[in-house]
Each structure stands twice: as structure tokens, then as C-alpha cells.
Amino acid sequence: MSATESVWDYPRPPRLEHSSDHVVVTHRGQVIVDTTSPLRILETSHPPTYYLPRGDVDLSVLKPVEGTTFCEFKGLAAYADVVVGDSRLPRAVWWYPDPSPGYSELLDHIALY
């Protein structure tokens, strides 16, 4: 990864790349994710998005919710709230239960806002 990236240099359709970045996500002092094997999606005019292996996510704080969205490239996305104690972050997590061809590596990975 270069020191400076521009979202206008990213491709469309999006490029999926493996990363060795150490990604830690916390909420209210609780570690939600700790991984050194994220995937990154790079898409024109979009910020880079990390997709994190489910095995490195504290799934106990994810509460699936109804509703989906559709990405023309990656497929149908499902959502979950993040709940830690009395704090709820609505629809803060999404994933692709059945990713489109070309993005099958996203299976069993989640992304967070």
C-alpha cells in the first residue's frame, strides 16, 4: 500500500486485495475485531473498505437485522447492529452471505462503518 492513495485512482469494478495490516476495532473499550489478515476492497470514488475474517470478530456483539442492499458487483448485503452493553450501533456491520462471482473471497468476512 502506498503512503498516499486517491479514491479516484481505484478501479471500477472494485479490486479485492489481501492485506497484512493489523486492524483492531473497539467500542466502549471492548475489542470487536483483532485481525492481521483483512481483505481490502478498492472502488472508484469510495474509501478503501476492510473486510474482516469472521473468525477474528466477536460475533456475540452482532445482532442481525432485517433489510438488505444490493451491490452490482458484490451481490446482496446483510446487516447487523453492534451491541455492547447498553450501546447499540444500528446497521454498523454488513457482509455478503452469497457473494457474486469474482468476489467469493468475501464469504465469511464482515465490514464495519
PDB file of N, CA and C in Angstrom:
ATOM      1  N   MET A   1       0.849  -1.167   0.000  1.00  0.00           N
ATOM      2  CA  MET A   1       0.000   0.000   0.000  1.00  0.00           C
ATOM      3  C   MET A   1       0.899   1.235   0.000  1.00  0.00           C
ATOM      4  N   SER A   2       0.598   2.175  -0.886  1.00  0.00           N
ATOM      5  CA  SER A   2       1.395   3.400  -0.950  1.00  0.00           C
ATOM      6  C   SER A   2       1.030   4.326   0.200  1.00  0.00           C
ATOM      7  N   ALA A   3       1.906   5.290   0.459  1.00  0.00           N
ATOM      8  CA  ALA A   3       1.677   6.227   1.563  1.00  0.00           C
ATOM      9  C   ALA A   3       0.450   7.098   1.320  1.00  0.00           C
ATOM     10  N   THR A   4       0.211   7.479   0.071  1.00  0.00           N
ATOM     11  CA  THR A   4      -0.942   8.298  -0.265  1.00  0.00           C
ATOM     12  C   THR A   4      -1.745   7.593  -1.344  1.00  0.00           C
ATOM     13  N   GLU A   5      -3.045   7.495  -1.123  1.00  0.00           N
ATOM     14  CA  GLU A   5      -3.928   6.880  -2.099  1.00  0.00           C
ATOM     15  C   GLU A   5      -5.025   7.874  -2.445  1.00  0.00           C
ATOM     16  N   SER A   6      -5.505   7.801  -3.662  1.00  0.00           N
ATOM     17  CA  SER A   6      -6.639   8.616  -4.083  1.00  0.00           C
ATOM     18  C   SER A   6      -7.772   7.693  -4.499  1.00  0.00           C
ATOM     19  N   VAL A   7      -8.967   7.965  -4.008  1.00  0.00           N
ATOM     20  CA  VAL A   7     -10.115   7.129  -4.369  1.00  0.00           C
ATOM     21  C   VAL A   7     -10.402   7.212  -5.862  1.00  0.00           C
ATOM     22  N   TRP A   8      -9.920   8.247  -6.519  1.00  0.00           N
ATOM     23  CA  TRP A   8     -10.147   8.391  -7.964  1.00  0.00           C
ATOM     24  C   TRP A   8      -9.206   7.504  -8.764  1.00  0.00           C
ATOM     25  N   ASP A   9      -8.181   6.950  -8.107  1.00  0.00           N
ATOM     26  CA  ASP A   9      -7.277   6.017  -8.779  1.00  0.00           C
ATOM     27  C   ASP A   9      -7.741   4.569  -8.643  1.00  0.00           C
ATOM     28  N   TYR A  10      -8.745   4.323  -7.829  1.00  0.00           N
ATOM     29  CA  TYR A  10      -9.246   2.960  -7.636  1.00  0.00           C
ATOM     30  C   TYR A  10     -10.073   2.533  -8.851  1.00  0.00           C
ATOM     31  N   PRO A  11     -10.118   1.224  -9.106  1.00  0.00           N
ATOM     32  CA  PRO A  11     -10.814   0.724 -10.296  1.00  0.00           C
ATOM     33  C   PRO A  11     -12.327   0.565 -10.100  1.00  0.00           C
ATOM     34  N   ARG A  12     -13.000   0.424 -11.205  1.00  0.00           N
ATOM     35  CA  ARG A  12     -14.410   0.061 -11.231  1.00  0.00           C
ATOM     36  C   ARG A  12     -14.542  -0.919 -12.375  1.00  0.00           C
ATOM     37  N   PRO A  13     -14.932  -2.169 -12.153  1.00  0.00           N
ATOM     38  CA  PRO A  13     -15.390  -2.739 -10.889  1.00  0.00           C
ATOM     39  C   PRO A  13     -14.274  -2.773  -9.834  1.00  0.00           C
ATOM     40  N   PRO A  14     -14.698  -2.935  -8.570  1.00  0.00           N
ATOM     41  CA  PRO A  14     -13.753  -2.890  -7.452  1.00  0.00           C
ATOM     42  C   PRO A  14     -12.698  -3.995  -7.515  1.00  0.00           C
ATOM     43  N   ARG A  15     -11.535  -3.681  -6.965  1.00  0.00           N
ATOM     44  CA  ARG A  15     -10.450  -4.660  -6.839  1.00  0.00           C
ATOM     45  C   ARG A  15     -10.410  -5.152  -5.398  1.00  0.00           C
ATOM     46  N   LEU A  16     -10.277  -6.458  -5.240  1.00  0.00           N
ATOM     47  CA  LEU A  16     -10.124  -7.073  -3.918  1.00  0.00           C
ATOM     48  C   LEU A  16      -8.649  -7.404  -3.750  1.00  0.00           C
ATOM     49  N   GLU A  17      -8.083  -7.025  -2.611  1.00  0.00           N
ATOM     50  CA  GLU A  17      -6.684  -7.354  -2.359  1.00  0.00           C
ATOM     51  C   GLU A  17      -6.504  -7.855  -0.931  1.00  0.00           C
ATOM     52  N   HIS A  18      -5.522  -8.727  -0.769  1.00  0.00           N
ATOM     53  CA  HIS A  18      -5.165  -9.224   0.556  1.00  0.00           C
ATOM     54  C   HIS A  18      -4.281  -8.192   1.240  1.00  0.00           C
ATOM     55  N   SER A  19      -4.386  -8.123   2.547  1.00  0.00           N
ATOM     56  CA  SER A  19      -3.600  -7.163   3.314  1.00  0.00           C
ATOM     57  C   SER A  19      -3.046  -7.848   4.557  1.00  0.00           C
ATOM     58  N   SER A  20      -1.917  -7.349   5.032  1.00  0.00           N
ATOM     59  CA  SER A  20      -1.372  -7.831   6.306  1.00  0.00           C
ATOM     60  C   SER A  20      -1.487  -6.737   7.371  1.00  0.00           C
ATOM     61  N   ASP A  21      -2.270  -5.689   7.071  1.00  0.00           N
ATOM     62  CA  ASP A  21      -2.479  -4.622   8.055  1.00  0.00           C
ATOM     63  C   ASP A  21      -3.082  -5.201   9.333  1.00  0.00           C
ATOM     64  N   HIS A  22      -2.673  -4.663  10.458  1.00  0.00           N
ATOM     65  CA  HIS A  22      -3.256  -5.067  11.741  1.00  0.00           C
ATOM     66  C   HIS A  22      -4.457  -4.163  11.996  1.00  0.00           C
ATOM     67  N   VAL A  23      -5.644  -4.748  11.988  1.00  0.00           N
ATOM     68  CA  VAL A  23      -6.882  -3.986  12.174  1.00  0.00           C
ATOM     69  C   VAL A  23      -7.484  -4.365  13.521  1.00  0.00           C
ATOM     70  N   VAL A  24      -7.673  -3.373  14.367  1.00  0.00           N
ATOM     71  CA  VAL A  24      -8.329  -3.562  15.661  1.00  0.00           C
ATOM     72  C   VAL A  24      -9.498  -2.592  15.718  1.00  0.00           C
ATOM     73  N   VAL A  25     -10.673  -3.117  16.051  1.00  0.00           N
ATOM     74  CA  VAL A  25     -11.871  -2.289  16.196  1.00  0.00           C
ATOM     75  C   VAL A  25     -12.379  -2.472  17.612  1.00  0.00           C
ATOM     76  N   THR A  26     -12.591  -1.353  18.312  1.00  0.00           N
ATOM     77  CA  THR A  26     -13.140  -1.413  19.668  1.00  0.00           C
ATOM     78  C   THR A  26     -14.372  -0.524  19.750  1.00  0.00           C
ATOM     79  N   HIS A  27     -15.230  -0.850  20.697  1.00  0.00           N
ATOM     80  CA  HIS A  27     -16.372   0.006  21.020  1.00  0.00           C
ATOM     81  C   HIS A  27     -16.584  -0.061  22.524  1.00  0.00           C
ATOM     82  N   ARG A  28     -16.581   1.106  23.139  1.00  0.00           N
ATOM     83  CA  ARG A  28     -16.738   1.201  24.591  1.00  0.00           C
ATOM     84  C   ARG A  28     -15.735   0.322  25.331  1.00  0.00           C
ATOM     85  N   GLY A  29     -14.515   0.276  24.826  1.00  0.00           N
ATOM     86  CA  GLY A  29     -13.452  -0.473  25.480  1.00  0.00           C
ATOM     87  C   GLY A  29     -13.426  -1.957  25.173  1.00  0.00           C
ATOM     88  N   GLN A  30     -14.398  -2.460  24.441  1.00  0.00           N
ATOM     89  CA  GLN A  30     -14.446  -3.886  24.105  1.00  0.00           C
ATOM     90  C   GLN A  30     -13.901  -4.095  22.697  1.00  0.00           C
ATOM     91  N   VAL A  31     -12.988  -5.058  22.564  1.00  0.00           N
ATOM     92  CA  VAL A  31     -12.447  -5.388  21.248  1.00  0.00           C
ATOM     93  C   VAL A  31     -13.511  -6.152  20.465  1.00  0.00           C
ATOM     94  N   ILE A  32     -13.851  -5.608  19.306  1.00  0.00           N
ATOM     95  CA  ILE A  32     -14.839  -6.237  18.419  1.00  0.00           C
ATOM     96  C   ILE A  32     -14.118  -7.079  17.367  1.00  0.00           C
ATOM     97  N   VAL A  33     -12.997  -6.565  16.873  1.00  0.00           N
ATOM     98  CA  VAL A  33     -12.208  -7.240  15.840  1.00  0.00           C
ATOM     99  C   VAL A  33     -10.729  -7.040  16.152  1.00  0.00           C
ATOM    100  N   ASP A  34      -9.953  -8.096  15.938  1.00  0.00           N
ATOM    101  CA  ASP A  34      -8.493  -8.007  16.001  1.00  0.00           C
ATOM    102  C   ASP A  34      -7.959  -8.985  14.963  1.00  0.00           C
ATOM    103  N   THR A  35      -7.450  -8.461  13.857  1.00  0.00           N
ATOM    104  CA  THR A  35      -7.001  -9.332  12.771  1.00  0.00           C
ATOM    105  C   THR A  35      -5.756  -8.782  12.091  1.00  0.00           C
ATOM    106  N   THR A  36      -4.982  -9.680  11.530  1.00  0.00           N
ATOM    107  CA  THR A  36      -3.851  -9.302  10.682  1.00  0.00           C
ATOM    108  C   THR A  36      -4.026  -9.890   9.284  1.00  0.00           C
ATOM    109  N   SER A  37      -5.253 -10.300   8.962  1.00  0.00           N
ATOM    110  CA  SER A  37      -5.494 -10.867   7.628  1.00  0.00           C
ATOM    111  C   SER A  37      -6.783 -10.326   7.001  1.00  0.00           C
ATOM    112  N   PRO A  38      -6.919  -9.002   6.965  1.00  0.00           N
ATOM    113  CA  PRO A  38      -8.107  -8.445   6.327  1.00  0.00           C
ATOM    114  C   PRO A  38      -7.996  -8.490   4.799  1.00  0.00           C
ATOM    115  N   LEU A  39      -9.134  -8.366   4.166  1.00  0.00           N
ATOM    116  CA  LEU A  39      -9.191  -8.108   2.731  1.00  0.00           C
ATOM    117  C   LEU A  39      -9.532  -6.634   2.571  1.00  0.00           C
ATOM    118  N   ARG A  40      -9.089  -6.039   1.465  1.00  0.00           N
ATOM    119  CA  ARG A  40      -9.464  -4.649   1.173  1.00  0.00           C
ATOM    120  C   ARG A  40     -10.172  -4.615  -0.171  1.00  0.00           C
ATOM    121  N   ILE A  41     -11.224  -3.831  -0.233  1.00  0.00           N
ATOM    122  CA  ILE A  41     -11.907  -3.561  -1.497  1.00  0.00           C
ATOM    123  C   ILE A  41     -11.604  -2.117  -1.868  1.00  0.00           C
ATOM    124  N   LEU A  42     -11.154  -1.931  -3.093  1.00  0.00           N
ATOM    125  CA  LEU A  42     -10.843  -0.602  -3.609  1.00  0.00           C
ATOM    126  C   LEU A  42     -11.750  -0.344  -4.804  1.00  0.00           C
ATOM    127  N   GLU A  43     -12.547   0.721  -4.722  1.00  0.00           N
ATOM    128  CA  GLU A  43     -13.516   1.038  -5.773  1.00  0.00           C
ATOM    129  C   GLU A  43     -13.523   2.546  -6.020  1.00  0.00           C
ATOM    130  N   THR A  44     -13.552   2.923  -7.284  1.00  0.00           N
ATOM    131  CA  THR A  44     -13.542   4.333  -7.665  1.00  0.00           C
ATOM    132  C   THR A  44     -14.526   5.140  -6.834  1.00  0.00           C
ATOM    133  N   SER A  45     -14.041   6.233  -6.279  1.00  0.00           N
ATOM    134  CA  SER A  45     -14.802   7.231  -5.505  1.00  0.00           C
ATOM    135  C   SER A  45     -15.296   6.729  -4.149  1.00  0.00           C
ATOM    136  N   HIS A  46     -14.854   5.548  -3.732  1.00  0.00           N
ATOM    137  CA  HIS A  46     -15.230   5.003  -2.423  1.00  0.00           C
ATOM    138  C   HIS A  46     -13.979   4.872  -1.553  1.00  0.00           C
ATOM    139  N   PRO A  47     -14.122   5.096  -0.258  1.00  0.00           N
ATOM    140  CA  PRO A  47     -12.957   4.863   0.602  1.00  0.00           C
ATOM    141  C   PRO A  47     -12.611   3.376   0.623  1.00  0.00           C
ATOM    142  N   PRO A  48     -11.339   3.030   0.840  1.00  0.00           N
ATOM    143  CA  PRO A  48     -10.993   1.611   0.950  1.00  0.00           C
ATOM    144  C   PRO A  48     -11.793   0.992   2.092  1.00  0.00           C
ATOM    145  N   THR A  49     -12.259  -0.219   1.864  1.00  0.00           N
ATOM    146  CA  THR A  49     -13.067  -0.904   2.871  1.00  0.00           C
ATOM    147  C   THR A  49     -12.387  -2.203   3.256  1.00  0.00           C
ATOM    148  N   TYR A  50     -12.168  -2.390   4.555  1.00  0.00           N
ATOM    149  CA  TYR A  50     -11.631  -3.650   5.053  1.00  0.00           C
ATOM    150  C   TYR A  50     -12.771  -4.639   5.258  1.00  0.00           C
ATOM    151  N   TYR A  51     -12.551  -5.868   4.810  1.00  0.00           N
ATOM    152  CA  TYR A  51     -13.442  -6.986   5.112  1.00  0.00           C
ATOM    153  C   TYR A  51     -12.651  -7.909   6.026  1.00  0.00           C
ATOM    154  N   LEU A  52     -13.234  -8.216   7.166  1.00  0.00           N
ATOM    155  CA  LEU A  52     -12.521  -8.859   8.265  1.00  0.00           C
ATOM    156  C   LEU A  52     -13.008 -10.290   8.456  1.00  0.00           C
ATOM    157  N   PRO A  53     -12.090 -11.245   8.611  1.00  0.00           N
ATOM    158  CA  PRO A  53     -12.488 -12.645   8.770  1.00  0.00           C
ATOM    159  C   PRO A  53     -13.408 -12.824   9.982  1.00  0.00           C
ATOM    160  N   ARG A  54     -14.518 -13.531   9.771  1.00  0.00           N
ATOM    161  CA  ARG A  54     -15.470 -13.771  10.863  1.00  0.00           C
ATOM    162  C   ARG A  54     -14.791 -14.399  12.073  1.00  0.00           C
ATOM    163  N   GLY A  55     -13.787 -15.229  11.840  1.00  0.00           N
ATOM    164  CA  GLY A  55     -13.086 -15.882  12.939  1.00  0.00           C
ATOM    165  C   GLY A  55     -12.331 -14.920  13.844  1.00  0.00           C
ATOM    166  N   ASP A  56     -12.114 -13.696  13.369  1.00  0.00           N
ATOM    167  CA  ASP A  56     -11.406 -12.683  14.156  1.00  0.00           C
ATOM    168  C   ASP A  56     -12.353 -11.622  14.716  1.00  0.00           C
ATOM    169  N   VAL A  57     -13.648 -11.905  14.630  1.00  0.00           N
ATOM    170  CA  VAL A  57     -14.686 -10.965  15.068  1.00  0.00           C
ATOM    171  C   VAL A  57     -15.401 -11.541  16.283  1.00  0.00           C
ATOM    172  N   ASP A  58     -15.688 -10.701  17.276  1.00  0.00           N
ATOM    173  CA  ASP A  58     -16.507 -11.114  18.420  1.00  0.00           C
ATOM    174  C   ASP A  58     -17.965 -11.112  17.962  1.00  0.00           C
ATOM    175  N   LEU A  59     -18.420 -12.250  17.474  1.00  0.00           N
ATOM    176  CA  LEU A  59     -19.764 -12.355  16.904  1.00  0.00           C
ATOM    177  C   LEU A  59     -20.861 -12.171  17.947  1.00  0.00           C
ATOM    178  N   SER A  60     -20.517 -12.290  19.231  1.00  0.00           N
ATOM    179  CA  SER A  60     -21.538 -12.157  20.281  1.00  0.00           C
ATOM    180  C   SER A  60     -22.114 -10.745  20.351  1.00  0.00           C
ATOM    181  N   VAL A  61     -21.422  -9.755  19.792  1.00  0.00           N
ATOM    182  CA  VAL A  61     -21.923  -8.375  19.837  1.00  0.00           C
ATOM    183  C   VAL A  61     -22.708  -7.999  18.581  1.00  0.00           C
ATOM    184  N   LEU A  62     -22.800  -8.917  17.626  1.00  0.00           N
ATOM    185  CA  LEU A  62     -23.533  -8.643  16.388  1.00  0.00           C
ATOM    186  C   LEU A  62     -24.952  -9.172  16.486  1.00  0.00           C
ATOM    187  N   LYS A  63     -25.912  -8.314  16.206  1.00  0.00           N
ATOM    188  CA  LYS A  63     -27.327  -8.681  16.238  1.00  0.00           C
ATOM    189  C   LYS A  63     -27.903  -8.446  14.843  1.00  0.00           C
ATOM    190  N   PRO A  64     -28.096  -9.540  14.053  1.00  0.00           N
ATOM    191  CA  PRO A  64     -28.615  -9.378  12.692  1.00  0.00           C
ATOM    192  C   PRO A  64     -29.942  -8.618  12.679  1.00  0.00           C
ATOM    193  N   VAL A  65     -30.116  -7.810  11.642  1.00  0.00           N
ATOM    194  CA  VAL A  65     -31.342  -7.026  11.472  1.00  0.00           C
ATOM    195  C   VAL A  65     -31.923  -7.313  10.093  1.00  0.00           C
ATOM    196  N   GLU A  66     -33.194  -6.963   9.929  1.00  0.00           N
ATOM    197  CA  GLU A  66     -33.848  -7.168   8.639  1.00  0.00           C
ATOM    198  C   GLU A  66     -33.401  -6.101   7.654  1.00  0.00           C
ATOM    199  N   GLY A  67     -33.548  -6.422   6.391  1.00  0.00           N
ATOM    200  CA  GLY A  67     -33.219  -5.483   5.334  1.00  0.00           C
ATOM    201  C   GLY A  67     -31.897  -5.824   4.680  1.00  0.00           C
ATOM    202  N   THR A  68     -31.843  -5.607   3.391  1.00  0.00           N
ATOM    203  CA  THR A  68     -30.641  -5.874   2.608  1.00  0.00           C
ATOM    204  C   THR A  68     -30.423  -4.724   1.623  1.00  0.00           C
ATOM    205  N   THR A  69     -29.243  -4.684   1.058  1.00  0.00           N
ATOM    206  CA  THR A  69     -28.958  -3.792  -0.060  1.00  0.00           C
ATOM    207  C   THR A  69     -28.267  -4.618  -1.131  1.00  0.00           C
ATOM    208  N   PHE A  70     -28.235  -4.094  -2.336  1.00  0.00           N
ATOM    209  CA  PHE A  70     -27.631  -4.827  -3.444  1.00  0.00           C
ATOM    210  C   PHE A  70     -26.499  -4.014  -4.053  1.00  0.00           C
ATOM    211  N   CYS A  71     -25.345  -4.638  -4.180  1.00  0.00           N
ATOM    212  CA  CYS A  71     -24.202  -4.054  -4.882  1.00  0.00           C
ATOM    213  C   CYS A  71     -24.104  -4.746  -6.237  1.00  0.00           C
ATOM    214  N   GLU A  72     -24.032  -3.974  -7.294  1.00  0.00           N
ATOM    215  CA  GLU A  72     -23.985  -4.557  -8.636  1.00  0.00           C
ATOM    216  C   GLU A  72     -22.770  -5.465  -8.840  1.00  0.00           C
ATOM    217  N   PHE A  73     -21.753  -5.301  -8.026  1.00  0.00           N
ATOM    218  CA  PHE A  73     -20.546  -6.107  -8.166  1.00  0.00           C
ATOM    219  C   PHE A  73     -20.471  -7.243  -7.160  1.00  0.00           C
ATOM    220  N   LYS A  74     -20.762  -6.954  -5.895  1.00  0.00           N
ATOM    221  CA  LYS A  74     -20.543  -7.928  -4.815  1.00  0.00           C
ATOM    222  C   LYS A  74     -21.782  -8.745  -4.458  1.00  0.00           C
ATOM    223  N   GLY A  75     -22.970  -8.255  -4.784  1.00  0.00           N
ATOM    224  CA  GLY A  75     -24.189  -9.008  -4.522  1.00  0.00           C
ATOM    225  C   GLY A  75     -25.036  -8.411  -3.419  1.00  0.00           C
ATOM    226  N   LEU A  76     -25.830  -9.266  -2.779  1.00  0.00           N
ATOM    227  CA  LEU A  76     -26.789  -8.867  -1.750  1.00  0.00           C
ATOM    228  C   LEU A  76     -26.109  -8.823  -0.383  1.00  0.00           C
ATOM    229  N   ALA A  77     -26.195  -7.675   0.289  1.00  0.00           N
ATOM    230  CA  ALA A  77     -25.558  -7.493   1.602  1.00  0.00           C
ATOM    231  C   ALA A  77     -26.584  -7.622   2.717  1.00  0.00           C
ATOM    232  N   ALA A  78     -26.193  -8.295   3.793  1.00  0.00           N
ATOM    233  CA  ALA A  78     -26.997  -8.397   5.016  1.00  0.00           C
ATOM    234  C   ALA A  78     -26.353  -7.498   6.065  1.00  0.00           C
ATOM    235  N   TYR A  79     -27.128  -7.138   7.106  1.00  0.00           N
ATOM    236  CA  TYR A  79     -26.665  -6.169   8.104  1.00  0.00           C
ATOM    237  C   TYR A  79     -26.872  -6.667   9.522  1.00  0.00           C
ATOM    238  N   ALA A  80     -26.107  -6.070  10.441  1.00  0.00           N
ATOM    239  CA  ALA A  80     -26.270  -6.341  11.870  1.00  0.00           C
ATOM    240  C   ALA A  80     -25.974  -5.068  12.644  1.00  0.00           C
ATOM    241  N   ASP A  81     -26.624  -4.955  13.799  1.00  0.00           N
ATOM    242  CA  ASP A  81     -26.284  -3.912  14.764  1.00  0.00           C
ATOM    243  C   ASP A  81     -25.120  -4.419  15.603  1.00  0.00           C
ATOM    244  N   VAL A  82     -24.323  -3.505  16.117  1.00  0.00           N
ATOM    245  CA  VAL A  82     -23.297  -3.838  17.112  1.00  0.00           C
ATOM    246  C   VAL A  82     -23.867  -3.420  18.459  1.00  0.00           C
ATOM    247  N   VAL A  83     -23.936  -4.371  19.401  1.00  0.00           N
ATOM    248  CA  VAL A  83     -24.486  -4.092  20.725  1.00  0.00           C
ATOM    249  C   VAL A  83     -23.437  -4.437  21.777  1.00  0.00           C
ATOM    250  N   VAL A  84     -23.012  -3.402  22.514  1.00  0.00           N
ATOM    251  CA  VAL A  84     -22.066  -3.559  23.621  1.00  0.00           C
ATOM    252  C   VAL A  84     -22.703  -2.875  24.824  1.00  0.00           C
ATOM    253  N   GLY A  85     -23.061  -3.672  25.828  1.00  0.00           N
ATOM    254  CA  GLY A  85     -23.754  -3.111  26.994  1.00  0.00           C
ATOM    255  C   GLY A  85     -25.051  -2.466  26.559  1.00  0.00           C
ATOM    256  N   ASP A  86     -25.257  -1.207  26.935  1.00  0.00           N
ATOM    257  CA  ASP A  86     -26.490  -0.516  26.560  1.00  0.00           C
ATOM    258  C   ASP A  86     -26.313   0.328  25.296  1.00  0.00           C
ATOM    259  N   SER A  87     -25.201   0.149  24.597  1.00  0.00           N
ATOM    260  CA  SER A  87     -24.927   0.900  23.376  1.00  0.00           C
ATOM    261  C   SER A  87     -25.244   0.051  22.148  1.00  0.00           C
ATOM    262  N   ARG A  88     -26.056   0.603  21.251  1.00  0.00           N
ATOM    263  CA  ARG A  88     -26.406  -0.084  20.003  1.00  0.00           C
ATOM    264  C   ARG A  88     -25.995   0.798  18.830  1.00  0.00           C
ATOM    265  N   LEU A  89     -25.190   0.244  17.933  1.00  0.00           N
ATOM    266  CA  LEU A  89     -24.798   0.929  16.704  1.00  0.00           C
ATOM    267  C   LEU A  89     -25.591   0.300  15.558  1.00  0.00           C
ATOM    268  N   PRO A  90     -26.668   0.956  15.126  1.00  0.00           N
ATOM    269  CA  PRO A  90     -27.561   0.354  14.129  1.00  0.00           C
ATOM    270  C   PRO A  90     -26.880   0.114  12.778  1.00  0.00           C
ATOM    271  N   ARG A  91     -27.080  -1.090  12.273  1.00  0.00           N
ATOM    272  CA  ARG A  91     -26.620  -1.472  10.929  1.00  0.00           C
ATOM    273  C   ARG A  91     -25.158  -1.081  10.682  1.00  0.00           C
ATOM    274  N   ALA A  92     -24.340  -1.244  11.695  1.00  0.00           N
ATOM    275  CA  ALA A  92     -22.929  -0.851  11.610  1.00  0.00           C
ATOM    276  C   ALA A  92     -22.064  -1.889  10.902  1.00  0.00           C
ATOM    277  N   VAL A  93     -22.615  -3.083  10.700  1.00  0.00           N
ATOM    278  CA  VAL A  93     -21.864  -4.194  10.118  1.00  0.00           C
ATOM    279  C   VAL A  93     -22.623  -4.727   8.909  1.00  0.00           C
ATOM    280  N   TRP A  94     -21.885  -5.093   7.870  1.00  0.00           N
ATOM    281  CA  TRP A  94     -22.521  -5.768   6.739  1.00  0.00           C
ATOM    282  C   TRP A  94     -21.611  -6.859   6.205  1.00  0.00           C
ATOM    283  N   TRP A  95     -22.214  -7.774   5.452  1.00  0.00           N
ATOM    284  CA  TRP A  95     -21.487  -8.885   4.840  1.00  0.00           C
ATOM    285  C   TRP A  95     -22.286  -9.387   3.652  1.00  0.00           C
ATOM    286  N   TYR A  96     -21.652 -10.221   2.865  1.00  0.00           N
ATOM    287  CA  TYR A  96     -22.276 -10.815   1.685  1.00  0.00           C
ATOM    288  C   TYR A  96     -22.407 -12.318   1.921  1.00  0.00           C
ATOM    289  N   PRO A  97     -23.616 -12.793   2.277  1.00  0.00           N
ATOM    290  CA  PRO A  97     -23.803 -14.220   2.566  1.00  0.00           C
ATOM    291  C   PRO A  97     -23.531 -15.115   1.354  1.00  0.00           C
ATOM    292  N   ASP A  98     -23.749 -14.576   0.152  1.00  0.00           N
ATOM    293  CA  ASP A  98     -23.536 -15.327  -1.084  1.00  0.00           C
ATOM    294  C   ASP A  98     -22.948 -14.363  -2.118  1.00  0.00           C
ATOM    295  N   PRO A  99     -21.657 -14.034  -1.985  1.00  0.00           N
ATOM    296  CA  PRO A  99     -21.069 -13.021  -2.859  1.00  0.00           C
ATOM    297  C   PRO A  99     -21.129 -13.410  -4.338  1.00  0.00           C
ATOM    298  N   SER A 100     -21.168 -12.397  -5.174  1.00  0.00           N
ATOM    299  CA  SER A 100     -21.182 -12.602  -6.623  1.00  0.00           C
ATOM    300  C   SER A 100     -19.869 -13.232  -7.087  1.00  0.00           C
ATOM    301  N   PRO A 101     -19.904 -13.909  -8.251  1.00  0.00           N
ATOM    302  CA  PRO A 101     -18.659 -14.447  -8.814  1.00  0.00           C
ATOM    303  C   PRO A 101     -17.624 -13.321  -8.946  1.00  0.00           C
ATOM    304  N   GLY A 102     -16.399 -13.653  -8.664  1.00  0.00           N
ATOM    305  CA  GLY A 102     -15.337 -12.654  -8.686  1.00  0.00           C
ATOM    306  C   GLY A 102     -15.071 -12.058  -7.312  1.00  0.00           C
ATOM    307  N   TYR A 103     -16.032 -12.238  -6.390  1.00  0.00           N
ATOM    308  CA  TYR A 103     -15.878 -11.707  -5.032  1.00  0.00           C
ATOM    309  C   TYR A 103     -16.137 -12.793  -3.987  1.00  0.00           C
ATOM    310  N   SER A 104     -15.946 -14.046  -4.379  1.00  0.00           N
ATOM    311  CA  SER A 104     -16.231 -15.168  -3.478  1.00  0.00           C
ATOM    312  C   SER A 104     -15.367 -15.139  -2.218  1.00  0.00           C
ATOM    313  N   GLU A 105     -14.214 -14.478  -2.274  1.00  0.00           N
ATOM    314  CA  GLU A 105     -13.356 -14.394  -1.078  1.00  0.00           C
ATOM    315  C   GLU A 105     -14.008 -13.590   0.044  1.00  0.00           C
ATOM    316  N   LEU A 106     -15.049 -12.817  -0.274  1.00  0.00           N
ATOM    317  CA  LEU A 106     -15.750 -12.049   0.764  1.00  0.00           C
ATOM    318  C   LEU A 106     -16.618 -12.932   1.654  1.00  0.00           C
ATOM    319  N   LEU A 107     -16.865 -14.167   1.227  1.00  0.00           N
ATOM    320  CA  LEU A 107     -17.635 -15.089   2.055  1.00  0.00           C
ATOM    321  C   LEU A 107     -16.929 -15.240   3.403  1.00  0.00           C
ATOM    322  N   ASP A 108     -17.692 -15.203   4.469  1.00  0.00           N
ATOM    323  CA  ASP A 108     -17.161 -15.325   5.836  1.00  0.00           C
ATOM    324  C   ASP A 108     -16.283 -14.146   6.248  1.00  0.00           C
ATOM    325  N   HIS A 109     -16.541 -12.982   5.665  1.00  0.00           N
ATOM    326  CA  HIS A 109     -15.888 -11.726   6.059  1.00  0.00           C
ATOM    327  C   HIS A 109     -16.960 -10.679   6.323  1.00  0.00           C
ATOM    328  N   ILE A 110     -16.684  -9.779   7.252  1.00  0.00           N
ATOM    329  CA  ILE A 110     -17.614  -8.688   7.538  1.00  0.00           C
ATOM    330  C   ILE A 110     -16.893  -7.352   7.371  1.00  0.00           C
ATOM    331  N   ALA A 111     -17.688  -6.313   7.172  1.00  0.00           N
ATOM    332  CA  ALA A 111     -17.156  -4.947   7.111  1.00  0.00           C
ATOM    333  C   ALA A 111     -17.930  -4.101   8.108  1.00  0.00           C
ATOM    334  N   LEU A 112     -17.315  -3.014   8.549  1.00  0.00           N
ATOM    335  CA  LEU A 112     -17.950  -2.126   9.531  1.00  0.00           C
ATOM    336  C   LEU A 112     -17.893  -0.686   9.048  1.00  0.00           C
ATOM    337  N   TYR A 113     -18.905   0.076   9.429  1.00  0.00           N
ATOM    338  CA  TYR A 113     -18.878   1.528   9.195  1.00  0.00           C
ATOM    339  C   TYR A 113     -18.070   2.173  10.287  1.00  0.00           C
TER     340      TYR A 113
END
